[in-house]
C-alpha cells in the first residue's frame, strides 16, 4: 500500500477561493478578488510542490483550484464589463429623461 502524500500549502485555499469566485462572480469586486487569490495560491502551491516533490502529492486539488480561479476571474471580468457598459449607457441617458420626470424638474 502506498503512502498518501499531503497537499502542497495553498492547494486547498486555491480550491476554496476558486469555487467561491465562481459562485460569487455576480459581485464583480468579490469575484475578481477571490479568483486572483485562487490563482496566486495555486501558483505558490505549484512552486512548493516542485521544490519538494517527494513530500507533496501530484496536485489535483491545486489544478482544480487553478481552473476554478480562471473560470471565476473570467466570469467576474465579463460581468464587470457588462455592468460598466450598462451604467455608462444609463448614466448618459439620464439627462434625456429629466424633462419627463416631474420630481427631476427644476
C-alpha atoms as a PDB file:
ATOM      1  CA  UNK A   1       0.000   0.000   0.000  1.00  0.00           C
ATOM      2  CA  UNK A   2       1.420   3.356  -0.966  1.00  0.00           C
ATOM      3  CA  UNK A   3       1.586   6.219   1.446  1.00  0.00           C
ATOM      4  CA  UNK A   4      -0.602   9.176   0.527  1.00  0.00           C
ATOM      5  CA  UNK A   5       1.227  12.431   0.118  1.00  0.00           C
ATOM      6  CA  UNK A   6      -0.232  15.595   1.537  1.00  0.00           C
ATOM      7  CA  UNK A   7      -1.330  18.598  -0.490  1.00  0.00           C
ATOM      8  CA  UNK A   8       1.038  21.480  -1.037  1.00  0.00           C
ATOM      9  CA  UNK A   9       0.410  24.543   1.147  1.00  0.00           C
ATOM     10  CA  UNK A  10      -2.149  26.732  -0.587  1.00  0.00           C
ATOM     11  CA  UNK A  11      -3.765  24.000  -2.676  1.00  0.00           C
ATOM     12  CA  UNK A  12      -6.940  23.794  -0.601  1.00  0.00           C
ATOM     13  CA  UNK A  13      -7.035  27.583  -0.319  1.00  0.00           C
ATOM     14  CA  UNK A  14      -6.906  27.890  -4.096  1.00  0.00           C
ATOM     15  CA  UNK A  15      -9.739  25.387  -4.493  1.00  0.00           C
ATOM     16  CA  UNK A  16     -11.968  27.104  -1.931  1.00  0.00           C
ATOM     17  CA  UNK A  17     -11.300  30.582  -3.338  1.00  0.00           C
ATOM     18  CA  UNK A  18     -11.800  29.323  -6.885  1.00  0.00           C
ATOM     19  CA  UNK A  19     -15.175  27.784  -6.087  1.00  0.00           C
ATOM     20  CA  UNK A  20     -16.250  30.922  -4.231  1.00  0.00           C
ATOM     21  CA  UNK A  21     -15.079  33.044  -7.181  1.00  0.00           C
ATOM     22  CA  UNK A  22     -17.387  31.095  -9.489  1.00  0.00           C
ATOM     23  CA  UNK A  23     -20.316  31.273  -7.081  1.00  0.00           C
ATOM     24  CA  UNK A  24     -19.819  34.977  -6.284  1.00  0.00           C
ATOM     25  CA  UNK A  25     -18.839  36.169  -9.762  1.00  0.00           C
ATOM     26  CA  UNK A  26     -22.078  38.180  -9.872  1.00  0.00           C
ATOM     27  CA  UNK A  27     -20.445  40.570  -7.397  1.00  0.00           C
ATOM     28  CA  UNK A  28     -17.654  41.877  -9.629  1.00  0.00           C
ATOM     29  CA  UNK A  29     -15.159  43.023  -6.993  1.00  0.00           C
ATOM     30  CA  UNK A  30     -15.625  39.933  -4.833  1.00  0.00           C
ATOM     31  CA  UNK A  31     -15.416  37.509  -7.750  1.00  0.00           C
ATOM     32  CA  UNK A  32     -12.312  39.135  -9.205  1.00  0.00           C
ATOM     33  CA  UNK A  33     -10.576  39.255  -5.834  1.00  0.00           C
ATOM     34  CA  UNK A  34     -11.308  35.628  -4.990  1.00  0.00           C
ATOM     35  CA  UNK A  35     -10.300  34.488  -8.472  1.00  0.00           C
ATOM     36  CA  UNK A  36      -6.973  36.277  -8.268  1.00  0.00           C
ATOM     37  CA  UNK A  37      -6.339  34.884  -4.770  1.00  0.00           C
ATOM     38  CA  UNK A  38      -7.080  31.394  -6.113  1.00  0.00           C
ATOM     39  CA  UNK A  39      -4.627  31.840  -8.992  1.00  0.00           C
ATOM     40  CA  UNK A  40      -1.862  33.184  -6.757  1.00  0.00           C
ATOM     41  CA  UNK A  41      -2.251  30.491  -4.100  1.00  0.00           C
ATOM     42  CA  UNK A  42      -2.343  27.744  -6.757  1.00  0.00           C
ATOM     43  CA  UNK A  43       0.863  29.119  -8.274  1.00  0.00           C
ATOM     44  CA  UNK A  44       2.543  29.185  -4.873  1.00  0.00           C
ATOM     45  CA  UNK A  45       1.386  25.629  -4.209  1.00  0.00           C
ATOM     46  CA  UNK A  46       2.851  24.566  -7.541  1.00  0.00           C
ATOM     47  CA  UNK A  47       6.253  26.025  -6.695  1.00  0.00           C
ATOM     48  CA  UNK A  48       6.193  24.410  -3.241  1.00  0.00           C
ATOM     49  CA  UNK A  49       5.367  21.063  -4.838  1.00  0.00           C
ATOM     50  CA  UNK A  50       8.146  21.497  -7.392  1.00  0.00           C
ATOM     51  CA  UNK A  51      10.677  22.267  -4.644  1.00  0.00           C
ATOM     52  CA  UNK A  52       9.989  19.004  -2.792  1.00  0.00           C
ATOM     53  CA  UNK A  53       8.064  16.518  -4.949  1.00  0.00           C
ATOM     54  CA  UNK A  54       8.769  13.665  -2.539  1.00  0.00           C
ATOM     55  CA  UNK A  55       6.804  15.436   0.190  1.00  0.00           C
ATOM     56  CA  UNK A  56       3.740  16.696  -1.716  1.00  0.00           C
ATOM     57  CA  UNK A  57       1.250  14.925  -3.971  1.00  0.00           C
ATOM     58  CA  UNK A  58       0.577  15.345  -7.659  1.00  0.00           C
ATOM     59  CA  UNK A  59      -1.600  18.410  -7.142  1.00  0.00           C
ATOM     60  CA  UNK A  60      -5.088  17.510  -8.315  1.00  0.00           C
ATOM     61  CA  UNK A  61      -6.633  19.898  -5.819  1.00  0.00           C
ATOM     62  CA  UNK A  62      -4.180  22.608  -6.851  1.00  0.00           C
ATOM     63  CA  UNK A  63      -5.044  22.191 -10.526  1.00  0.00           C
ATOM     64  CA  UNK A  64      -8.774  22.215  -9.755  1.00  0.00           C
ATOM     65  CA  UNK A  65      -8.313  25.414  -7.749  1.00  0.00           C
ATOM     66  CA  UNK A  66      -6.339  26.986 -10.575  1.00  0.00           C
ATOM     67  CA  UNK A  67      -9.015  26.117 -13.142  1.00  0.00           C
ATOM     68  CA  UNK A  68     -11.831  27.345 -10.879  1.00  0.00           C
ATOM     69  CA  UNK A  69      -9.860  30.549 -10.295  1.00  0.00           C
ATOM     70  CA  UNK A  70      -9.522  31.128 -14.033  1.00  0.00           C
ATOM     71  CA  UNK A  71     -13.217  30.469 -14.648  1.00  0.00           C
ATOM     72  CA  UNK A  72     -14.300  32.696 -11.744  1.00  0.00           C
ATOM     73  CA  UNK A  73     -11.975  35.506 -12.813  1.00  0.00           C
ATOM     74  CA  UNK A  74     -13.187  35.377 -16.416  1.00  0.00           C
ATOM     75  CA  UNK A  75     -16.864  35.331 -15.398  1.00  0.00           C
ATOM     76  CA  UNK A  76     -16.367  38.185 -12.929  1.00  0.00           C
ATOM     77  CA  UNK A  77     -14.440  40.165 -15.554  1.00  0.00           C
ATOM     78  CA  UNK A  78     -17.181  39.706 -18.139  1.00  0.00           C
ATOM     79  CA  UNK A  79     -19.821  40.675 -15.614  1.00  0.00           C
ATOM     80  CA  UNK A  80     -17.805  43.738 -14.573  1.00  0.00           C
ATOM     81  CA  UNK A  81     -17.541  44.916 -18.177  1.00  0.00           C
ATOM     82  CA  UNK A  82     -21.267  44.287 -18.625  1.00  0.00           C
ATOM     83  CA  UNK A  83     -22.100  46.491 -15.631  1.00  0.00           C
ATOM     84  CA  UNK A  84     -19.694  49.226 -16.746  1.00  0.00           C
ATOM     85  CA  UNK A  85     -21.323  49.378 -20.174  1.00  0.00           C
ATOM     86  CA  UNK A  86     -24.821  49.251 -18.696  1.00  0.00           C
ATOM     87  CA  UNK A  87     -24.154  52.024 -16.187  1.00  0.00           C
ATOM     88  CA  UNK A  88     -22.429  54.145 -18.826  1.00  0.00           C
ATOM     89  CA  UNK A  89     -25.453  53.985 -21.123  1.00  0.00           C
ATOM     90  CA  UNK A  90     -27.937  54.656 -18.333  1.00  0.00           C
ATOM     91  CA  UNK A  91     -25.754  57.439 -16.954  1.00  0.00           C
ATOM     92  CA  UNK A  92     -25.602  59.081 -20.369  1.00  0.00           C
ATOM     93  CA  UNK A  93     -29.362  58.705 -20.839  1.00  0.00           C
ATOM     94  CA  UNK A  94     -30.400  60.397 -17.572  1.00  0.00           C
ATOM     95  CA  UNK A  95     -30.274  63.961 -18.999  1.00  0.00           C
ATOM     96  CA  UNK A  96     -32.650  62.887 -21.778  1.00  0.00           C
ATOM     97  CA  UNK A  97     -35.354  61.968 -19.285  1.00  0.00           C
ATOM     98  CA  UNK A  98     -35.121  64.921 -16.899  1.00  0.00           C
ATOM     99  CA  UNK A  99     -37.977  66.727 -18.614  1.00  0.00           C
ATOM    100  CA  UNK A 100     -40.243  63.693 -18.450  1.00  0.00           C
ATOM    101  CA  UNK A 101     -39.930  63.056 -14.732  1.00  0.00           C
ATOM    102  CA  UNK A 102     -41.747  65.624 -12.564  1.00  0.00           C
ATOM    103  CA  UNK A 103     -39.554  65.104  -9.499  1.00  0.00           C
ATOM    104  CA  UNK A 104     -36.423  65.873 -11.528  1.00  0.00           C
ATOM    105  CA  UNK A 105     -37.658  69.190 -12.897  1.00  0.00           C
ATOM    106  CA  UNK A 106     -36.186  72.404 -11.574  1.00  0.00           C
END
